[in-house]
C-alpha atoms as a PDB file:
ATOM      1  CA  MET A   1      -0.094  -0.106  -0.220  1.00  0.00           C
ATOM      2  CA  SER A   2       1.493   3.317  -0.825  1.00  0.00           C
ATOM      3  CA  LEU A   3       2.203   6.126   2.360  1.00  0.00           C
ATOM      4  CA  PRO A   4      -0.294   9.094   2.443  1.00  0.00           C
ATOM      5  CA  ARG A   5       0.396  11.354   0.128  1.00  0.00           C
ATOM      6  CA  THR A   6      -0.014  14.654   3.144  1.00  0.00           C
ATOM      7  CA  LEU A   7       2.594  14.995   5.398  1.00  0.00           C
ATOM      8  CA  ILE A   8       0.835  16.245   8.985  1.00  0.00           C
ATOM      9  CA  LEU A   9       3.120  17.864  11.299  1.00  0.00           C
ATOM     10  CA  LEU A  10       1.487  17.722  14.375  1.00  0.00           C
ATOM     11  CA  ALA A  11       3.316  19.873  17.189  1.00  0.00           C
ATOM     12  CA  HIS A  12       2.244  19.496  21.166  1.00  0.00           C
ATOM     13  CA  GLY A  13       1.461  22.902  23.275  1.00  0.00           C
ATOM     14  CA  ALA A  14       3.432  23.840  25.997  1.00  0.00           C
ATOM     15  CA  GLY A  15       2.121  21.352  29.179  1.00  0.00           C
ATOM     16  CA  ALA A  16       2.656  17.914  27.191  1.00  0.00           C
ATOM     17  CA  GLY A  17       4.737  16.497  25.166  1.00  0.00           C
ATOM     18  CA  SER A  18       3.326  14.135  22.144  1.00  0.00           C
ATOM     19  CA  SER A  19       3.544  11.148  24.999  1.00  0.00           C
ATOM     20  CA  SER A  20       0.696  12.987  27.175  1.00  0.00           C
ATOM     21  CA  ALA A  21      -3.342  11.563  25.866  1.00  0.00           C
ATOM     22  CA  TRP A  22      -4.687  14.055  24.511  1.00  0.00           C
ATOM     23  CA  MET A  23      -1.496  14.322  21.652  1.00  0.00           C
ATOM     24  CA  ARG A  24      -1.651  10.018  21.326  1.00  0.00           C
ATOM     25  CA  ALA A  25      -5.469  10.539  21.261  1.00  0.00           C
ATOM     26  CA  TRP A  26      -5.673  13.362  18.265  1.00  0.00           C
ATOM     27  CA  ALA A  27      -2.404  11.588  16.642  1.00  0.00           C
ATOM     28  CA  ALA A  28      -4.872   8.491  15.569  1.00  0.00           C
ATOM     29  CA  ARG A  29      -7.110  10.889  14.053  1.00  0.00           C
ATOM     30  CA  LEU A  30      -5.762  12.280  12.122  1.00  0.00           C
ATOM     31  CA  GLY A  31      -3.598   8.843  10.868  1.00  0.00           C
ATOM     32  CA  ALA A  32      -7.202   9.345   8.941  1.00  0.00           C
ATOM     33  CA  LEU A  33      -5.976  11.923   6.818  1.00  0.00           C
ATOM     34  CA  GLY A  34      -2.565  11.794   6.360  1.00  0.00           C
ATOM     35  CA  GLN A  35       0.573  10.301   7.609  1.00  0.00           C
ATOM     36  CA  VAL A  36       0.742  12.270  10.853  1.00  0.00           C
ATOM     37  CA  VAL A  37       4.122  12.348  12.667  1.00  0.00           C
ATOM     38  CA  PRO A  38       4.786  13.790  16.374  1.00  0.00           C
ATOM     39  CA  PHE A  39       7.608  15.504  17.906  1.00  0.00           C
ATOM     40  CA  ASP A  40       8.641  17.291  20.644  1.00  0.00           C
ATOM     41  CA  TYR A  41       9.918  20.632  21.324  1.00  0.00           C
ATOM     42  CA  PRO A  42      13.448  20.520  22.992  1.00  0.00           C
ATOM     43  CA  TYR A  43      12.972  20.976  26.525  1.00  0.00           C
ATOM     44  CA  MET A  44       9.974  18.837  26.806  1.00  0.00           C
ATOM     45  CA  ARG A  45      12.672  16.330  25.831  1.00  0.00           C
ATOM     46  CA  GLU A  46      15.180  17.453  28.488  1.00  0.00           C
ATOM     47  CA  GLY A  47      11.849  17.111  31.145  1.00  0.00           C
ATOM     48  CA  ARG A  48      12.241  21.142  31.608  1.00  0.00           C
ATOM     49  CA  LYS A  49       8.854  22.403  32.176  1.00  0.00           C
ATOM     50  CA  ALA A  50       9.082  26.276  30.877  1.00  0.00           C
ATOM     51  CA  PRO A  51       8.917  25.894  26.797  1.00  0.00           C
ATOM     52  CA  ASP A  52      12.265  27.666  25.501  1.00  0.00           C
ATOM     53  CA  ARG A  53      11.823  31.297  23.822  1.00  0.00           C
ATOM     54  CA  LEU A  54      10.932  31.594  20.344  1.00  0.00           C
ATOM     55  CA  PRO A  55      13.870  31.610  17.881  1.00  0.00           C
ATOM     56  CA  LYS A  56      14.227  28.087  19.038  1.00  0.00           C
ATOM     57  CA  LEU A  57      10.824  26.601  19.130  1.00  0.00           C
ATOM     58  CA  ILE A  58      10.722  27.646  15.754  1.00  0.00           C
ATOM     59  CA  ALA A  59      14.146  25.595  14.761  1.00  0.00           C
ATOM     60  CA  ALA A  60      13.067  22.738  17.076  1.00  0.00           C
ATOM     61  CA  HIS A  61       9.973  22.559  14.428  1.00  0.00           C
ATOM     62  CA  ARG A  62      11.384  23.611  11.522  1.00  0.00           C
ATOM     63  CA  ASP A  63      14.276  21.096  12.411  1.00  0.00           C
ATOM     64  CA  ALA A  64      11.258  18.488  12.983  1.00  0.00           C
ATOM     65  CA  LEU A  65       9.558  19.211   9.766  1.00  0.00           C
ATOM     66  CA  ARG A  66      12.534  18.449   7.647  1.00  0.00           C
ATOM     67  CA  GLN A  67      13.392  15.403   9.264  1.00  0.00           C
ATOM     68  CA  ALA A  68       9.731  13.833   8.126  1.00  0.00           C
ATOM     69  CA  ARG A  69      10.534  15.678   5.046  1.00  0.00           C
ATOM     70  CA  ALA A  70      13.077  13.632   4.437  1.00  0.00           C
ATOM     71  CA  ASP A  71      11.494   9.920   6.385  1.00  0.00           C
ATOM     72  CA  HIS A  72       8.138  10.422   3.790  1.00  0.00           C
ATOM     73  CA  PRO A  73       9.741  11.857   0.558  1.00  0.00           C
ATOM     74  CA  ARG A  74       5.910   9.827  -0.399  1.00  0.00           C
ATOM     75  CA  CYS A  75       4.198  12.521   0.839  1.00  0.00           C
ATOM     76  CA  GLN A  76       3.170  15.671  -2.173  1.00  0.00           C
ATOM     77  CA  ARG A  77       1.158  17.297   0.610  1.00  0.00           C
ATOM     78  CA  VAL A  78       2.580  19.354   4.348  1.00  0.00           C
ATOM     79  CA  VAL A  79       0.016  20.116   6.985  1.00  0.00           C
ATOM     80  CA  LEU A  80       1.697  21.522  10.688  1.00  0.00           C
ATOM     81  CA  CYS A  81      -0.261  20.992  13.318  1.00  0.00           C
ATOM     82  CA  GLY A  82      -0.334  22.295  16.139  1.00  0.00           C
ATOM     83  CA  LYS A  83      -2.129  22.342  19.824  1.00  0.00           C
ATOM     84  CA  SER A  84      -1.885  25.862  21.615  1.00  0.00           C
ATOM     85  CA  MET A  85       1.751  27.059  21.173  1.00  0.00           C
ATOM     86  CA  GLY A  86       1.885  24.117  18.273  1.00  0.00           C
ATOM     87  CA  SER A  87      -0.245  26.117  16.288  1.00  0.00           C
ATOM     88  CA  ARG A  88       0.895  29.336  17.177  1.00  0.00           C
ATOM     89  CA  VAL A  89       4.442  28.043  15.872  1.00  0.00           C
ATOM     90  CA  GLY A  90       3.585  26.679  13.780  1.00  0.00           C
ATOM     91  CA  CYS A  91       2.402  29.156  12.198  1.00  0.00           C
ATOM     92  CA  HIS A  92       5.485  31.025  12.735  1.00  0.00           C
ATOM     93  CA  LEU A  93       8.026  28.576  10.248  1.00  0.00           C
ATOM     94  CA  SER A  94       4.945  28.805   7.706  1.00  0.00           C
ATOM     95  CA  LEU A  95       6.387  32.709   7.514  1.00  0.00           C
ATOM     96  CA  GLU A  96       9.712  30.903   6.947  1.00  0.00           C
ATOM     97  CA  GLU A  97       9.523  27.448   5.199  1.00  0.00           C
ATOM     98  CA  GLU A  98       8.812  27.277   1.660  1.00  0.00           C
ATOM     99  CA  GLY A  99       6.274  24.094   0.625  1.00  0.00           C
ATOM    100  CA  ILE A 100       3.749  24.492   3.753  1.00  0.00           C
ATOM    101  CA  ASP A 101       0.321  23.903   1.846  1.00  0.00           C
ATOM    102  CA  ALA A 102      -2.156  24.624   5.610  1.00  0.00           C
ATOM    103  CA  LEU A 103      -2.047  25.295   9.139  1.00  0.00           C
ATOM    104  CA  VAL A 104      -4.790  22.769  11.795  1.00  0.00           C
ATOM    105  CA  CYS A 105      -4.922  24.873  14.728  1.00  0.00           C
ATOM    106  CA  LEU A 106      -6.301  23.042  17.802  1.00  0.00           C
ATOM    107  CA  GLY A 107      -6.977  25.361  20.325  1.00  0.00           C
ATOM    108  CA  TYR A 108      -4.718  28.600  19.215  1.00  0.00           C
ATOM    109  CA  PRO A 109      -3.438  30.960  21.812  1.00  0.00           C
ATOM    110  CA  LEU A 110      -4.728  34.173  20.843  1.00  0.00           C
ATOM    111  CA  VAL A 111      -4.195  35.764  23.896  1.00  0.00           C
ATOM    112  CA  SER A 112      -1.389  35.076  26.627  1.00  0.00           C
ATOM    113  CA  ILE A 113      -2.366  34.412  29.830  1.00  0.00           C
ATOM    114  CA  GLY A 114      -2.489  37.110  32.366  1.00  0.00           C
ATOM    115  CA  LYS A 115      -3.561  40.744  33.074  1.00  0.00           C
ATOM    116  CA  ALA A 116      -1.808  41.956  30.137  1.00  0.00           C
ATOM    117  CA  GLY A 117      -3.784  39.563  27.656  1.00  0.00           C
ATOM    118  CA  THR A 118      -1.482  40.339  24.793  1.00  0.00           C
ATOM    119  CA  LEU A 119      -3.781  39.664  21.401  1.00  0.00           C
ATOM    120  CA  ARG A 120      -0.520  37.269  19.635  1.00  0.00           C
ATOM    121  CA  ASP A 121      -1.995  38.710  16.313  1.00  0.00           C
ATOM    122  CA  ALA A 122       0.316  39.443  13.997  1.00  0.00           C
ATOM    123  CA  VAL A 123       1.915  35.860  12.444  1.00  0.00           C
ATOM    124  CA  LEU A 124      -1.513  35.753  11.866  1.00  0.00           C
ATOM    125  CA  ARG A 125      -2.390  38.949   9.704  1.00  0.00           C
ATOM    126  CA  GLU A 126       1.170  37.308   7.688  1.00  0.00           C
ATOM    127  CA  LEU A 127      -0.090  33.803   6.934  1.00  0.00           C
ATOM    128  CA  ARG A 128       0.187  33.326   2.890  1.00  0.00           C
ATOM    129  CA  VAL A 129      -1.838  29.788   3.493  1.00  0.00           C
ATOM    130  CA  PRO A 130      -4.569  28.437   4.203  1.00  0.00           C
ATOM    131  CA  ILE A 131      -5.283  28.171   8.790  1.00  0.00           C
ATOM    132  CA  LEU A 132      -8.113  26.094  10.299  1.00  0.00           C
ATOM    133  CA  PHE A 133      -8.616  27.730  13.528  1.00  0.00           C
ATOM    134  CA  VAL A 134     -10.129  24.774  16.162  1.00  0.00           C
ATOM    135  CA  GLN A 135     -11.833  26.856  19.350  1.00  0.00           C
ATOM    136  CA  GLY A 136     -13.962  25.849  22.013  1.00  0.00           C
ATOM    137  CA  THR A 137     -16.257  28.272  23.063  1.00  0.00           C
ATOM    138  CA  ARG A 138     -14.748  28.054  26.929  1.00  0.00           C
ATOM    139  CA  ASP A 139     -11.101  28.932  25.701  1.00  0.00           C
ATOM    140  CA  ARG A 140     -10.652  31.894  27.158  1.00  0.00           C
ATOM    141  CA  LEU A 141      -7.695  31.637  25.738  1.00  0.00           C
ATOM    142  CA  ALA A 142      -9.694  33.024  21.508  1.00  0.00           C
ATOM    143  CA  PRO A 143     -12.455  34.425  22.273  1.00  0.00           C
ATOM    144  CA  LEU A 144     -14.211  33.377  19.618  1.00  0.00           C
ATOM    145  CA  GLU A 145     -15.334  37.993  18.747  1.00  0.00           C
ATOM    146  CA  THR A 146     -11.794  38.677  19.345  1.00  0.00           C
ATOM    147  CA  LEU A 147     -10.591  35.806  17.151  1.00  0.00           C
ATOM    148  CA  GLU A 148     -13.199  36.199  14.320  1.00  0.00           C
ATOM    149  CA  ALA A 149     -12.446  40.068  14.434  1.00  0.00           C
ATOM    150  CA  VAL A 150      -8.892  38.610  13.362  1.00  0.00           C
ATOM    151  CA  ARG A 151      -9.762  36.857  11.188  1.00  0.00           C
ATOM    152  CA  ALA A 152     -11.570  38.920   8.716  1.00  0.00           C
ATOM    153  CA  GLN A 153      -8.496  40.764   8.889  1.00  0.00           C
ATOM    154  CA  LEU A 154      -6.355  38.452   6.990  1.00  0.00           C
ATOM    155  CA  SER A 155      -4.919  38.068   4.086  1.00  0.00           C
ATOM    156  CA  THR A 156      -4.873  34.293   3.443  1.00  0.00           C
ATOM    157  CA  ARG A 157      -8.045  32.015   3.523  1.00  0.00           C
ATOM    158  CA  SER A 158      -9.289  30.633   6.905  1.00  0.00           C
ATOM    159  CA  ALA A 159     -12.159  28.490   8.152  1.00  0.00           C
ATOM    160  CA  LEU A 160     -13.487  27.652  12.243  1.00  0.00           C
ATOM    161  CA  HIS A 161     -14.468  25.037  13.589  1.00  0.00           C
ATOM    162  CA  VAL A 162     -16.542  25.693  17.228  1.00  0.00           C
ATOM    163  CA  VAL A 163     -16.688  23.128  19.467  1.00  0.00           C
ATOM    164  CA  GLU A 164     -19.043  24.052  21.850  1.00  0.00           C
ATOM    165  CA  THR A 165     -18.187  24.513  25.342  1.00  0.00           C
ATOM    166  CA  GLY A 166     -15.048  23.576  24.379  1.00  0.00           C
ATOM    167  CA  ASP A 167     -11.775  24.278  26.575  1.00  0.00           C
ATOM    168  CA  HIS A 168      -8.537  25.579  25.365  1.00  0.00           C
ATOM    169  CA  SER A 169      -8.683  21.375  25.510  1.00  0.00           C
ATOM    170  CA  LEU A 170     -10.968  21.079  22.892  1.00  0.00           C
ATOM    171  CA  GLN A 171     -13.218  18.702  25.739  1.00  0.00           C
ATOM    172  CA  ILE A 172     -17.174  20.076  26.115  1.00  0.00           C
ATOM    173  CA  THR A 173     -19.290  20.625  29.656  1.00  0.00           C
ATOM    174  CA  LYS A 174     -20.956  17.589  30.948  1.00  0.00           C
ATOM    175  CA  THR A 175     -23.950  19.777  31.048  1.00  0.00           C
ATOM    176  CA  HIS A 176     -23.813  20.011  28.261  1.00  0.00           C
ATOM    177  CA  THR A 177     -23.456  16.690  27.199  1.00  0.00           C
ATOM    178  CA  LYS A 178     -26.736  15.635  29.211  1.00  0.00           C
ATOM    179  CA  ALA A 179     -28.440  18.499  27.067  1.00  0.00           C
ATOM    180  CA  THR A 180     -27.961  17.904  23.587  1.00  0.00           C
ATOM    181  CA  GLY A 181     -26.797  13.920  23.906  1.00  0.00           C
ATOM    182  CA  GLN A 182     -22.651  14.479  22.189  1.00  0.00           C
ATOM    183  CA  THR A 183     -20.108  12.705  23.876  1.00  0.00           C
ATOM    184  CA  GLN A 184     -16.444  13.386  24.387  1.00  0.00           C
ATOM    185  CA  GLU A 185     -15.965  10.988  20.795  1.00  0.00           C
ATOM    186  CA  GLU A 186     -18.486  12.197  18.814  1.00  0.00           C
ATOM    187  CA  ALA A 187     -17.217  15.993  19.546  1.00  0.00           C
ATOM    188  CA  ASP A 188     -14.298  14.916  18.485  1.00  0.00           C
ATOM    189  CA  ALA A 189     -15.317  13.014  15.804  1.00  0.00           C
ATOM    190  CA  ARG A 190     -16.991  16.155  14.002  1.00  0.00           C
ATOM    191  CA  ALA A 191     -14.335  18.539  14.683  1.00  0.00           C
ATOM    192  CA  LEU A 192     -11.673  15.968  13.039  1.00  0.00           C
ATOM    193  CA  GLU A 193     -14.138  16.250  10.281  1.00  0.00           C
ATOM    194  CA  ALA A 194     -13.878  19.685  10.205  1.00  0.00           C
ATOM    195  CA  VAL A 195      -9.829  19.356   9.784  1.00  0.00           C
ATOM    196  CA  ARG A 196     -10.860  16.462   6.658  1.00  0.00           C
ATOM    197  CA  ALA A 197     -13.639  19.501   4.769  1.00  0.00           C
ATOM    198  CA  PHE A 198     -10.773  21.832   5.224  1.00  0.00           C
ATOM    199  CA  LEU A 199      -8.100  19.990   3.640  1.00  0.00           C
ATOM    200  CA  ALA A 200     -10.518  18.359   1.255  1.00  0.00           C
ATOM    201  CA  THR A 201     -11.108  22.705   0.111  1.00  0.00           C
ATOM    202  CA  LEU A 202      -7.365  22.637  -0.678  1.00  0.00           C
ATOM    203  CA  ASP A 203      -8.015  19.963  -3.868  1.00  0.00           C
ATOM    204  CA  ARG A 204     -10.767  21.700  -4.554  1.00  0.00           C
ATOM    205  CA  ALA A 205      -8.406  24.833  -5.193  1.00  0.00           C
ATOM    206  CA  ALA A 206      -5.455  23.909  -6.667  1.00  0.00           C
ATOM    207  CA  GLY A 207      -8.315  21.732  -9.164  1.00  0.00           C
ATOM    208  CA  ARG A 208      -7.153  17.685  -8.544  1.00  0.00           C
ATOM    209  CA  GLN A 209      -9.232  15.371  -6.739  1.00  0.00           C
ATOM    210  CA  ALA A 210      -8.472  14.405  -3.265  1.00  0.00           C
ATOM    211  CA  ARG A 211      -7.087  11.061  -2.394  1.00  0.00           C
ATOM    212  CA  PRO A 212      -6.956   9.023   0.521  1.00  0.00           C
END
Protein backbone atom coordinates (compact mmCIF):
# COMPACT_ATOMS: atom_id res chain seq x y z
CA MET A 1 0.00 0.00 0.00
CA SER A 2 1.33 3.46 -0.89
CA LEU A 3 2.07 6.04 1.73
CA PRO A 4 -0.58 8.70 2.41
CA ARG A 5 0.29 11.74 0.34
CA THR A 6 -0.42 14.24 3.13
CA LEU A 7 2.26 14.74 5.76
CA ILE A 8 0.82 16.08 9.03
CA LEU A 9 3.50 17.34 11.42
CA LEU A 10 1.87 17.43 14.87
CA ALA A 11 3.28 19.77 17.52
CA HIS A 12 2.34 19.71 21.21
CA GLY A 13 1.27 22.51 23.54
CA ALA A 14 3.35 24.10 26.27
CA GLY A 15 2.46 21.75 29.12
CA ALA A 16 2.33 18.21 27.71
CA GLY A 17 4.38 16.43 25.07
CA SER A 18 3.59 14.05 22.25
CA SER A 19 3.23 11.10 24.64
CA SER A 20 0.28 12.65 26.49
CA ALA A 21 -3.10 10.96 26.16
CA TRP A 22 -4.54 14.01 24.37
CA MET A 23 -1.77 14.12 21.81
CA ARG A 24 -1.78 10.39 21.20
CA ALA A 25 -5.55 10.44 20.67
CA TRP A 26 -5.33 13.26 18.14
CA ALA A 27 -2.40 11.65 16.36
CA ALA A 28 -4.53 8.52 15.95
CA ARG A 29 -7.51 10.52 14.64
CA LEU A 30 -5.46 12.50 12.18
CA GLY A 31 -3.94 9.26 10.92
CA ALA A 32 -7.13 8.80 8.91
CA LEU A 33 -6.17 11.87 6.89
CA GLY A 34 -2.49 11.34 6.25
CA GLN A 35 0.93 10.41 7.57
CA VAL A 36 1.08 11.88 11.08
CA VAL A 37 4.47 12.69 12.60
CA PRO A 38 4.33 13.90 16.22
CA PHE A 39 7.43 15.44 17.77
CA ASP A 40 8.64 17.04 21.00
CA TYR A 41 10.41 20.36 21.41
CA PRO A 42 13.85 20.13 23.09
CA TYR A 43 12.68 21.47 26.46
CA MET A 44 10.06 18.74 26.67
CA ARG A 45 12.54 16.01 25.73
CA GLU A 46 14.92 17.32 28.38
CA GLY A 47 12.26 17.32 31.08
CA ARG A 48 12.16 21.08 31.56
CA LYS A 49 8.81 22.70 32.37
CA ALA A 50 9.30 26.11 30.80
CA PRO A 51 9.23 26.30 26.99
CA ASP A 52 12.23 27.76 25.19
CA ARG A 53 12.15 31.17 23.56
CA LEU A 54 10.27 31.43 20.30
CA PRO A 55 13.34 31.42 18.00
CA LYS A 56 14.54 28.12 19.51
CA LEU A 57 11.04 26.63 19.22
CA ILE A 58 10.84 27.64 15.57
CA ALA A 59 14.27 26.13 14.89
CA ALA A 60 13.24 22.85 16.52
CA HIS A 61 9.98 22.85 14.56
CA ARG A 62 11.96 23.37 11.35
CA ASP A 63 14.30 20.49 12.20
CA ALA A 64 11.33 18.20 12.86
CA LEU A 65 9.74 19.21 9.55
CA ARG A 66 12.88 18.55 7.55
CA GLN A 67 13.33 15.16 9.20
CA ALA A 68 9.70 14.25 8.55
CA ARG A 69 10.03 15.24 4.90
CA ALA A 70 13.17 13.12 4.59
CA ASP A 71 11.46 10.14 6.22
CA HIS A 72 8.33 10.43 4.04
CA PRO A 73 9.46 11.63 0.61
CA ARG A 74 6.34 10.37 -1.14
CA CYS A 75 4.08 12.78 0.73
CA GLN A 76 3.11 15.55 -1.65
CA ARG A 77 1.37 17.94 0.75
CA VAL A 78 2.57 19.31 4.10
CA VAL A 79 0.23 20.37 6.89
CA LEU A 80 1.50 21.89 10.12
CA CYS A 81 -0.91 20.95 12.90
CA GLY A 82 -0.49 21.87 16.53
CA LYS A 83 -2.10 22.19 19.90
CA SER A 84 -2.01 25.68 21.41
CA MET A 85 1.65 26.78 21.51
CA GLY A 86 2.58 24.24 18.85
CA SER A 87 0.06 25.75 16.46
CA ARG A 88 1.44 29.26 17.02
CA VAL A 89 5.01 28.12 16.42
CA GLY A 90 3.83 26.37 13.25
CA CYS A 91 2.36 29.65 12.04
CA HIS A 92 5.71 31.37 12.54
CA LEU A 93 7.54 28.57 10.73
CA SER A 94 5.20 28.81 7.74
CA LEU A 95 6.47 32.35 7.16
CA GLU A 96 10.05 31.10 6.88
CA GLU A 97 9.77 27.67 5.28
CA GLU A 98 8.72 26.98 1.71
CA GLY A 99 6.26 24.28 0.74
CA ILE A 100 3.80 24.50 3.64
CA ASP A 101 0.33 23.86 2.26
CA ALA A 102 -1.89 24.47 5.29
CA LEU A 103 -2.05 25.14 9.02
CA VAL A 104 -4.41 23.46 11.49
CA CYS A 105 -4.66 25.03 14.95
CA LEU A 106 -6.23 22.97 17.73
CA GLY A 107 -6.87 25.72 20.25
CA TYR A 108 -4.83 28.67 18.99
CA PRO A 109 -3.55 30.80 21.93
CA LEU A 110 -4.70 34.15 20.58
CA VAL A 111 -4.56 35.93 23.95
CA SER A 112 -1.63 35.45 26.31
CA ILE A 113 -2.14 34.37 29.90
CA GLY A 114 -1.85 37.13 32.50
CA LYS A 115 -3.28 40.52 33.34
CA ALA A 116 -1.99 42.12 30.14
CA GLY A 117 -3.74 39.63 27.89
CA THR A 118 -1.54 40.46 24.92
CA LEU A 119 -3.13 39.74 21.56
CA ARG A 120 -0.99 37.30 19.54
CA ASP A 121 -2.33 38.20 16.12
CA ALA A 122 0.71 39.66 14.37
CA VAL A 123 1.88 36.34 12.93
CA LEU A 124 -1.65 35.53 11.75
CA ARG A 125 -1.83 38.76 9.77
CA GLU A 126 1.35 37.79 7.90
CA LEU A 127 0.22 34.30 6.90
CA ARG A 128 0.21 33.29 3.25
CA VAL A 129 -1.14 29.72 3.56
CA PRO A 130 -4.70 28.61 4.43
CA ILE A 131 -5.43 28.11 8.11
CA LEU A 132 -8.10 26.25 10.09
CA PHE A 133 -8.90 27.17 13.68
CA VAL A 134 -10.58 24.53 15.87
CA GLN A 135 -11.69 26.42 18.97
CA GLY A 136 -13.89 25.81 22.00
CA THR A 137 -16.46 28.34 23.14
CA ARG A 138 -15.04 28.24 26.68
CA ASP A 139 -11.45 28.82 25.57
CA ARG A 140 -10.29 31.91 27.47
CA LEU A 141 -7.15 32.07 25.31
CA ALA A 142 -9.18 32.62 22.16
CA PRO A 143 -12.47 34.50 22.68
CA LEU A 144 -14.44 33.79 19.54
CA GLU A 145 -15.46 37.41 18.98
CA THR A 146 -11.81 38.43 19.09
CA LEU A 147 -10.78 35.59 16.81
CA GLU A 148 -13.49 36.45 14.28
CA ALA A 149 -12.35 40.08 14.25
CA VAL A 150 -8.80 38.93 13.50
CA ARG A 151 -9.96 36.46 10.83
CA ALA A 152 -11.81 39.23 9.03
CA GLN A 153 -8.50 41.03 8.55
CA LEU A 154 -6.39 38.09 7.38
CA SER A 155 -5.03 38.13 3.84
CA THR A 156 -5.03 34.34 3.61
CA ARG A 157 -8.00 31.97 3.51
CA SER A 158 -9.17 30.87 6.95
CA ALA A 159 -11.83 28.59 8.40
CA LEU A 160 -13.23 28.06 11.89
CA HIS A 161 -14.75 25.02 13.54
CA VAL A 162 -16.41 25.79 16.87
CA VAL A 163 -16.63 23.16 19.61
CA GLU A 164 -19.64 24.10 21.72
CA THR A 165 -18.67 24.34 25.44
CA GLY A 166 -15.16 23.21 24.51
CA ASP A 167 -12.26 24.47 26.61
CA HIS A 168 -8.68 25.15 25.48
CA SER A 169 -8.23 21.39 25.02
CA LEU A 170 -11.58 21.09 23.17
CA GLN A 171 -13.12 19.21 26.10
CA ILE A 172 -16.89 19.70 26.29
CA THR A 173 -18.90 19.96 29.51
CA LYS A 174 -20.99 17.27 31.12
CA THR A 175 -23.89 19.72 31.09
CA HIS A 176 -23.62 19.99 27.32
CA THR A 177 -23.54 16.22 26.98
CA LYS A 178 -26.60 15.89 29.18
CA ALA A 179 -28.50 18.58 27.30
CA THR A 180 -27.61 17.49 23.75
CA GLY A 181 -26.61 13.85 24.07
CA GLN A 182 -23.32 14.65 22.35
CA THR A 183 -20.35 12.76 23.79
CA GLN A 184 -16.73 13.87 23.83
CA GLU A 185 -15.98 11.23 21.21
CA GLU A 186 -18.65 12.70 18.94
CA ALA A 187 -17.35 16.23 19.45
CA ASP A 188 -13.85 15.06 18.54
CA ALA A 189 -15.20 13.24 15.49
CA ARG A 190 -16.90 16.42 14.30
CA ALA A 191 -13.67 18.36 14.76
CA LEU A 192 -11.81 15.74 12.75
CA GLU A 193 -14.43 15.97 10.01
CA ALA A 194 -13.86 19.73 9.93
CA VAL A 195 -10.16 19.11 9.37
CA ARG A 196 -10.99 16.62 6.62
CA ALA A 197 -13.31 19.10 4.91
CA PHE A 198 -10.73 21.87 5.22
CA LEU A 199 -8.05 19.75 3.57
CA ALA A 200 -10.51 18.83 0.83
CA THR A 201 -10.84 22.53 -0.01
CA LEU A 202 -7.12 22.59 -0.72
CA ASP A 203 -7.59 19.95 -3.39
CA ARG A 204 -10.52 21.81 -4.92
CA ALA A 205 -8.59 25.07 -4.90
CA ALA A 206 -5.70 23.35 -6.66
CA GLY A 207 -8.06 21.76 -9.18
CA ARG A 208 -7.24 18.22 -8.21
CA GLN A 209 -9.23 15.39 -6.66
CA ALA A 210 -8.43 14.40 -3.08
CA ARG A 211 -6.85 10.98 -2.60
CA PRO A 212 -6.59 8.96 0.63
